[in-house]
Amino acid sequence: MSSLHKQSPEPQGLCGTGDCMPVCTLEKALKHIVETYHHYAPREGKDDFLSLKDLTELLKCQAPTFLAACNRSNPNYIPQLFKQADINGDRNLTFEESIRVFALLADDAHRISHNEDRCGPDKD
């Protein structure tokens, strides 16, 4: 096992029951992702989506380290990323479609944590 990954006991119960880690960091991180999405997604009626403009603002404000690597500062990068994530082609990203983008951000953060090449193929 890598020194970066410390063995910790398996949680025995649901968060908040006292049977696991005192702070549910994953649940807090997921809540923060949802809150960040809602900060940039317009809430018009029942609409809950990101436009290309919204995604661009979100990435530039919330993920500058991600955008600084691998030629992601290219003006075509975010529009191409948006198009790939827009599964149904409606030019809006639902939360579920946005998860594809957030997964790339998480993968990039993981590679940074291991000092790995952020631009090449995944080694895992």
Protein backbone atom coordinates (compact mmCIF):
# COMPACT_ATOMS: atom_id res chain seq x y z
CA MET A 1 0.00 0.00 0.00
CA SER A 2 1.28 3.46 -0.88
CA SER A 3 2.32 5.77 1.92
CA LEU A 4 -0.21 8.23 0.49
CA HIS A 5 -3.05 5.84 1.31
CA LYS A 6 -3.36 5.06 4.98
CA GLN A 7 -5.29 2.00 6.02
CA SER A 8 -8.35 3.03 7.97
CA PRO A 9 -11.01 0.88 9.55
CA GLU A 10 -14.10 0.21 7.51
CA PRO A 11 -17.06 2.35 8.58
CA GLN A 12 -19.47 0.18 10.53
CA GLY A 13 -22.61 2.28 10.24
CA LEU A 14 -24.26 5.25 8.69
CA CYS A 15 -22.73 8.66 9.09
CA GLY A 16 -24.02 10.39 12.17
CA THR A 17 -24.64 7.20 14.14
CA GLY A 18 -21.30 7.32 15.88
CA ASP A 19 -20.21 4.07 14.24
CA CYS A 20 -17.89 5.62 11.66
CA MET A 21 -15.49 8.48 11.22
CA PRO A 22 -16.65 11.51 13.22
CA VAL A 23 -16.85 13.73 10.14
CA CYS A 24 -18.51 12.47 6.97
CA THR A 25 -16.06 14.12 4.60
CA LEU A 26 -17.38 12.37 1.49
CA GLU A 27 -20.95 13.43 2.22
CA LYS A 28 -19.75 16.99 2.84
CA ALA A 29 -17.77 16.96 -0.41
CA LEU A 30 -20.79 15.68 -2.35
CA LYS A 31 -23.00 18.33 -0.77
CA HIS A 32 -20.45 20.98 -1.76
CA ILE A 33 -20.44 19.71 -5.37
CA VAL A 34 -24.24 19.99 -5.49
CA GLU A 35 -24.14 23.47 -3.94
CA THR A 36 -21.48 24.60 -6.42
CA TYR A 37 -23.55 23.25 -9.32
CA HIS A 38 -26.62 25.11 -8.05
CA HIS A 39 -24.63 28.32 -7.66
CA TYR A 40 -23.90 28.33 -11.40
CA ALA A 41 -27.08 26.65 -12.70
CA PRO A 42 -29.93 29.08 -13.32
CA ARG A 43 -33.09 28.19 -11.45
CA GLU A 44 -35.89 29.24 -13.77
CA GLY A 45 -39.05 27.41 -12.83
CA LYS A 46 -38.10 23.74 -12.80
CA ASP A 47 -35.04 24.19 -15.01
CA ASP A 48 -31.84 23.16 -13.32
CA PHE A 49 -29.02 23.11 -15.87
CA LEU A 50 -25.74 24.66 -16.96
CA SER A 51 -25.38 26.46 -20.26
CA LEU A 52 -22.00 26.66 -21.98
CA LYS A 53 -21.60 30.12 -20.44
CA ASP A 54 -22.44 28.76 -16.97
CA LEU A 55 -19.99 25.86 -17.31
CA THR A 56 -17.27 28.21 -18.53
CA GLU A 57 -17.76 30.49 -15.52
CA LEU A 58 -17.87 27.53 -13.12
CA LEU A 59 -14.61 26.07 -14.46
CA LYS A 60 -12.78 29.39 -14.63
CA CYS A 61 -13.80 30.33 -11.08
CA GLN A 62 -13.78 26.94 -9.37
CA ALA A 63 -11.19 24.89 -11.29
CA PRO A 64 -8.36 27.16 -12.51
CA THR A 65 -5.71 24.51 -11.73
CA PHE A 66 -7.57 22.00 -13.91
CA LEU A 67 -7.79 24.50 -16.78
CA ALA A 68 -4.12 25.47 -16.53
CA ALA A 69 -2.86 22.00 -17.54
CA CYS A 70 -2.87 19.91 -20.71
CA ASN A 71 -3.72 22.69 -23.17
CA ARG A 72 -7.10 23.14 -21.45
CA SER A 73 -6.67 26.90 -21.74
CA ASN A 74 -7.27 26.48 -25.49
CA PRO A 75 -10.45 28.46 -26.34
CA ASN A 76 -12.00 25.31 -27.86
CA TYR A 77 -11.48 23.09 -24.82
CA ILE A 78 -14.53 24.05 -22.74
CA PRO A 79 -16.94 24.03 -25.71
CA GLN A 80 -15.67 20.55 -26.69
CA LEU A 81 -15.96 19.34 -23.09
CA PHE A 82 -19.49 20.75 -22.92
CA LYS A 83 -20.48 19.00 -26.15
CA GLN A 84 -19.11 15.66 -24.90
CA ALA A 85 -20.98 15.98 -21.60
CA ASP A 86 -24.26 17.06 -23.25
CA ILE A 87 -25.49 13.51 -23.82
CA ASN A 88 -28.93 14.44 -25.14
CA GLY A 89 -27.63 17.32 -27.28
CA ASP A 90 -30.03 19.94 -25.90
CA ARG A 91 -27.22 22.47 -25.27
CA ASN A 92 -27.82 22.36 -21.52
CA LEU A 93 -26.09 20.21 -18.91
CA THR A 94 -28.27 18.62 -16.28
CA PHE A 95 -26.65 17.74 -12.98
CA GLU A 96 -26.29 14.16 -14.18
CA GLU A 97 -24.54 15.29 -17.36
CA SER A 98 -22.32 17.64 -15.35
CA ILE A 99 -21.09 14.69 -13.31
CA ARG A 100 -19.01 13.70 -16.36
CA VAL A 101 -17.15 17.02 -16.07
CA PHE A 102 -16.83 16.73 -12.28
CA ALA A 103 -15.36 13.24 -12.74
CA LEU A 104 -12.59 14.74 -14.88
CA LEU A 105 -11.91 17.31 -12.16
CA ALA A 106 -11.74 14.55 -9.54
CA ASP A 107 -9.41 12.46 -11.71
CA ASP A 108 -7.14 15.47 -12.21
CA ALA A 109 -7.05 16.11 -8.44
CA HIS A 110 -6.21 12.43 -7.87
CA ARG A 111 -3.34 12.60 -10.35
CA ILE A 112 -2.03 15.76 -8.64
CA SER A 113 -2.13 13.96 -5.27
CA HIS A 114 0.17 11.27 -6.72
CA ASN A 115 2.38 13.70 -8.66
CA GLU A 116 1.39 11.83 -11.84
CA ASP A 117 1.24 13.01 -15.44
CA ARG A 118 -2.07 14.89 -15.70
CA CYS A 119 -2.16 14.81 -19.49
CA GLY A 120 -1.34 11.22 -20.39
CA PRO A 121 -3.42 8.07 -20.13
CA ASP A 122 -4.55 7.02 -16.68
CA LYS A 123 -2.17 4.53 -15.02
CA ASP A 124 -4.83 3.01 -12.76
